[in-house]
Amino acid sequence: MPTAARPSRPVDAEDPSPRSRPVAAVLLGLEALLLVVTASYFLLAAAGGGVAGRLGIGLGLFLLLFAVGVAVAARSVLVRGRFGTGFGITWQLFQALVGASMLSSGMVWQGGLAILLAIVAFVQLARLVRSTPLPSRLD
């Protein structure tokens, strides 16, 4: 399709403030770090017999996988990539659900921290949605 025949699209908006992207990336980085710490706990607990071996190892590897995804999302947010914003927002919804589950099982401060981080990061990432380029705007 020739470029003249393409319908015109609005130009990407600027970031809401110069600190929005770094703040969102730091929050995602903090979440990735907390996931690595939690994964390490489960892997060490499995090795020491505090948690059933297969469960601890499986949970630790599962959390490490998500830690890598969240870390990649943090990097993507910094470079105005599309992956970071979408994955980050989806991750916050999942994290809030896990935090609520933690609250209901008696893990009050852990669940509260998870929900607080999810809300703050969700708001920061949602502010960046309009300033993240769409694939059709990368030409």
C-alpha atoms as a PDB file:
ATOM      1  CA  MET A   1       0.000   0.000   0.000  1.00  0.00           C
ATOM      2  CA  PRO A   2       1.527   3.371  -0.909  1.00  0.00           C
ATOM      3  CA  THR A   3       2.200   5.738   1.931  1.00  0.00           C
ATOM      4  CA  ALA A   4      -0.154   8.356   0.556  1.00  0.00           C
ATOM      5  CA  ALA A   5      -3.074   5.897   0.785  1.00  0.00           C
ATOM      6  CA  ARG A   6      -2.500   5.147   4.471  1.00  0.00           C
ATOM      7  CA  PRO A   7      -4.930   6.833   6.811  1.00  0.00           C
ATOM      8  CA  SER A   8      -3.234   9.410   8.960  1.00  0.00           C
ATOM      9  CA  ARG A   9      -2.746   8.522  12.601  1.00  0.00           C
ATOM     10  CA  PRO A  10      -2.177  10.850  15.504  1.00  0.00           C
ATOM     11  CA  VAL A  11       1.429  11.477  16.445  1.00  0.00           C
ATOM     12  CA  ASP A  12       2.634   9.833  19.654  1.00  0.00           C
ATOM     13  CA  ALA A  13       2.201  12.005  22.684  1.00  0.00           C
ATOM     14  CA  GLU A  14       5.180  13.066  24.726  1.00  0.00           C
ATOM     15  CA  ASP A  15       5.854  11.437  28.085  1.00  0.00           C
ATOM     16  CA  PRO A  16       3.729  13.007  30.841  1.00  0.00           C
ATOM     17  CA  SER A  17       6.893  14.080  32.680  1.00  0.00           C
ATOM     18  CA  PRO A  18      10.624  13.527  32.186  1.00  0.00           C
ATOM     19  CA  ARG A  19      10.784  11.203  35.218  1.00  0.00           C
ATOM     20  CA  SER A  20       7.872   8.926  34.281  1.00  0.00           C
ATOM     21  CA  ARG A  21       9.871   6.314  32.392  1.00  0.00           C
ATOM     22  CA  PRO A  22      12.739   6.048  34.904  1.00  0.00           C
ATOM     23  CA  VAL A  23      10.283   5.774  37.815  1.00  0.00           C
ATOM     24  CA  ALA A  24       8.295   3.034  36.055  1.00  0.00           C
ATOM     25  CA  ALA A  25      11.523   1.205  35.160  1.00  0.00           C
ATOM     26  CA  VAL A  26      12.814   1.422  38.744  1.00  0.00           C
ATOM     27  CA  LEU A  27       9.531   0.023  40.071  1.00  0.00           C
ATOM     28  CA  LEU A  28       9.698  -2.876  37.628  1.00  0.00           C
ATOM     29  CA  GLY A  29      13.351  -3.402  38.546  1.00  0.00           C
ATOM     30  CA  LEU A  30      12.429  -3.496  42.241  1.00  0.00           C
ATOM     31  CA  GLU A  31       9.760  -6.085  41.515  1.00  0.00           C
ATOM     32  CA  ALA A  32      12.285  -8.166  39.541  1.00  0.00           C
ATOM     33  CA  LEU A  33      14.728  -7.978  42.455  1.00  0.00           C
ATOM     34  CA  LEU A  34      12.036  -9.072  44.927  1.00  0.00           C
ATOM     35  CA  LEU A  35      11.162 -11.984  42.642  1.00  0.00           C
ATOM     36  CA  VAL A  36      14.818 -13.058  42.555  1.00  0.00           C
ATOM     37  CA  VAL A  37      15.016 -12.866  46.362  1.00  0.00           C
ATOM     38  CA  THR A  38      11.834 -14.930  46.735  1.00  0.00           C
ATOM     39  CA  ALA A  39      13.024 -17.466  44.162  1.00  0.00           C
ATOM     40  CA  SER A  40      16.350 -17.768  45.989  1.00  0.00           C
ATOM     41  CA  TYR A  41      14.518 -18.382  49.243  1.00  0.00           C
ATOM     42  CA  PHE A  42      12.525 -21.255  47.734  1.00  0.00           C
ATOM     43  CA  LEU A  43      15.563 -22.793  46.045  1.00  0.00           C
ATOM     44  CA  LEU A  44      17.585 -22.644  49.272  1.00  0.00           C
ATOM     45  CA  ALA A  45      14.642 -23.935  51.314  1.00  0.00           C
ATOM     46  CA  ALA A  46      14.293 -26.856  48.907  1.00  0.00           C
ATOM     47  CA  ALA A  47      17.994 -27.635  49.244  1.00  0.00           C
ATOM     48  CA  GLY A  48      17.825 -27.414  53.046  1.00  0.00           C
ATOM     49  CA  GLY A  49      14.677 -29.474  53.436  1.00  0.00           C
ATOM     50  CA  GLY A  50      12.422 -26.620  54.579  1.00  0.00           C
ATOM     51  CA  VAL A  51      10.164 -27.060  51.546  1.00  0.00           C
ATOM     52  CA  ALA A  52       9.381 -30.192  49.556  1.00  0.00           C
ATOM     53  CA  GLY A  53      12.220 -30.534  47.039  1.00  0.00           C
ATOM     54  CA  ARG A  54      10.318 -30.593  43.754  1.00  0.00           C
ATOM     55  CA  LEU A  55       7.873 -27.917  44.876  1.00  0.00           C
ATOM     56  CA  GLY A  56      10.615 -25.541  46.034  1.00  0.00           C
ATOM     57  CA  ILE A  57      12.720 -26.016  42.930  1.00  0.00           C
ATOM     58  CA  GLY A  58       9.739 -25.655  40.608  1.00  0.00           C
ATOM     59  CA  LEU A  59       8.493 -22.540  42.362  1.00  0.00           C
ATOM     60  CA  GLY A  60      11.982 -21.044  42.444  1.00  0.00           C
ATOM     61  CA  LEU A  61      12.506 -21.579  38.717  1.00  0.00           C
ATOM     62  CA  PHE A  62       9.010 -20.292  37.945  1.00  0.00           C
ATOM     63  CA  LEU A  63       9.720 -17.082  39.884  1.00  0.00           C
ATOM     64  CA  LEU A  64      13.121 -16.665  38.211  1.00  0.00           C
ATOM     65  CA  LEU A  65      11.439 -16.890  34.820  1.00  0.00           C
ATOM     66  CA  PHE A  66       9.069 -14.077  35.750  1.00  0.00           C
ATOM     67  CA  ALA A  67      11.943 -12.071  37.241  1.00  0.00           C
ATOM     68  CA  VAL A  68      13.698 -12.175  33.874  1.00  0.00           C
ATOM     69  CA  GLY A  69      10.495 -11.069  32.118  1.00  0.00           C
ATOM     70  CA  VAL A  70       9.975  -8.170  34.508  1.00  0.00           C
ATOM     71  CA  ALA A  71      13.634  -7.113  34.178  1.00  0.00           C
ATOM     72  CA  VAL A  72      13.352  -7.149  30.369  1.00  0.00           C
ATOM     73  CA  ALA A  73      10.152  -5.105  30.686  1.00  0.00           C
ATOM     74  CA  ALA A  74      11.986  -2.531  32.838  1.00  0.00           C
ATOM     75  CA  ARG A  75      14.663  -2.177  30.159  1.00  0.00           C
ATOM     76  CA  SER A  76      12.019  -1.929  27.454  1.00  0.00           C
ATOM     77  CA  VAL A  77      10.225   0.878  29.299  1.00  0.00           C
ATOM     78  CA  LEU A  78      13.471   2.871  29.458  1.00  0.00           C
ATOM     79  CA  VAL A  79      14.055   2.623  25.700  1.00  0.00           C
ATOM     80  CA  ARG A  80      10.401   3.394  24.808  1.00  0.00           C
ATOM     81  CA  GLY A  81       9.743  -0.179  23.716  1.00  0.00           C
ATOM     82  CA  ARG A  82       6.264  -1.595  23.430  1.00  0.00           C
ATOM     83  CA  PHE A  83       6.913  -4.844  25.318  1.00  0.00           C
ATOM     84  CA  GLY A  84       7.632  -3.207  28.667  1.00  0.00           C
ATOM     85  CA  THR A  85       4.432  -1.233  28.932  1.00  0.00           C
ATOM     86  CA  GLY A  86       2.096  -4.064  27.938  1.00  0.00           C
ATOM     87  CA  PHE A  87       3.867  -6.771  29.917  1.00  0.00           C
ATOM     88  CA  GLY A  88       4.297  -4.426  32.889  1.00  0.00           C
ATOM     89  CA  ILE A  89       0.617  -3.543  33.086  1.00  0.00           C
ATOM     90  CA  THR A  90      -0.404  -7.200  32.718  1.00  0.00           C
ATOM     91  CA  TRP A  91       2.132  -8.193  35.376  1.00  0.00           C
ATOM     92  CA  GLN A  92       0.694  -5.616  37.818  1.00  0.00           C
ATOM     93  CA  LEU A  93      -2.774  -7.140  37.501  1.00  0.00           C
ATOM     94  CA  PHE A  94      -1.355 -10.605  38.171  1.00  0.00           C
ATOM     95  CA  GLN A  95       0.732  -9.286  41.073  1.00  0.00           C
ATOM     96  CA  ALA A  96      -2.286  -7.589  42.669  1.00  0.00           C
ATOM     97  CA  LEU A  97      -4.188 -10.876  42.467  1.00  0.00           C
ATOM     98  CA  VAL A  98      -1.299 -12.742  44.118  1.00  0.00           C
ATOM     99  CA  GLY A  99      -1.042  -9.988  46.768  1.00  0.00           C
ATOM    100  CA  ALA A 100      -4.747 -10.316  47.569  1.00  0.00           C
ATOM    101  CA  SER A 101      -4.296 -14.071  47.897  1.00  0.00           C
ATOM    102  CA  MET A 102      -1.386 -13.496  50.265  1.00  0.00           C
ATOM    103  CA  LEU A 103      -3.523 -11.177  52.389  1.00  0.00           C
ATOM    104  CA  SER A 104      -6.265 -13.769  52.663  1.00  0.00           C
ATOM    105  CA  SER A 105      -3.772 -16.434  53.741  1.00  0.00           C
ATOM    106  CA  GLY A 106      -2.377 -14.336  56.590  1.00  0.00           C
ATOM    107  CA  MET A 107       0.736 -12.926  54.897  1.00  0.00           C
ATOM    108  CA  VAL A 108      -0.308  -9.370  55.676  1.00  0.00           C
ATOM    109  CA  TRP A 109       2.818  -7.276  55.136  1.00  0.00           C
ATOM    110  CA  GLN A 110       3.958  -9.312  52.109  1.00  0.00           C
ATOM    111  CA  GLY A 111       0.545  -9.092  50.467  1.00  0.00           C
ATOM    112  CA  GLY A 112       0.221  -5.415  51.319  1.00  0.00           C
ATOM    113  CA  LEU A 113       3.628  -4.702  49.781  1.00  0.00           C
ATOM    114  CA  ALA A 114       2.732  -6.645  46.627  1.00  0.00           C
ATOM    115  CA  ILE A 115      -0.548  -4.760  46.221  1.00  0.00           C
ATOM    116  CA  LEU A 116       1.033  -1.369  46.945  1.00  0.00           C
ATOM    117  CA  LEU A 117       3.808  -1.958  44.390  1.00  0.00           C
ATOM    118  CA  ALA A 118       1.266  -3.204  41.853  1.00  0.00           C
ATOM    119  CA  ILE A 119      -0.928  -0.115  42.210  1.00  0.00           C
ATOM    120  CA  VAL A 120       1.919   2.391  42.045  1.00  0.00           C
ATOM    121  CA  ALA A 121       3.585   0.659  39.078  1.00  0.00           C
ATOM    122  CA  PHE A 122       0.242   0.264  37.269  1.00  0.00           C
ATOM    123  CA  VAL A 123      -0.439   3.994  37.543  1.00  0.00           C
ATOM    124  CA  GLN A 124       3.063   4.884  36.325  1.00  0.00           C
ATOM    125  CA  LEU A 125       2.861   2.475  33.381  1.00  0.00           C
ATOM    126  CA  ALA A 126      -0.657   3.560  32.433  1.00  0.00           C
ATOM    127  CA  ARG A 127       0.610   7.144  32.171  1.00  0.00           C
ATOM    128  CA  LEU A 128       3.096   5.978  29.514  1.00  0.00           C
ATOM    129  CA  VAL A 129       0.631   4.182  27.234  1.00  0.00           C
ATOM    130  CA  ARG A 130      -0.054   7.137  24.902  1.00  0.00           C
ATOM    131  CA  SER A 131       3.635   7.971  24.555  1.00  0.00           C
ATOM    132  CA  THR A 132       4.689   4.428  23.608  1.00  0.00           C
ATOM    133  CA  PRO A 133       4.915   4.066  19.810  1.00  0.00           C
ATOM    134  CA  LEU A 134       2.679   1.598  18.005  1.00  0.00           C
ATOM    135  CA  PRO A 135       4.191  -0.686  15.321  1.00  0.00           C
ATOM    136  CA  SER A 136       2.615   1.366  12.547  1.00  0.00           C
ATOM    137  CA  ARG A 137       4.352   4.469  13.899  1.00  0.00           C
ATOM    138  CA  LEU A 138       7.853   3.022  13.879  1.00  0.00           C
ATOM    139  CA  ASP A 139       8.339   3.716  10.130  1.00  0.00           C
END
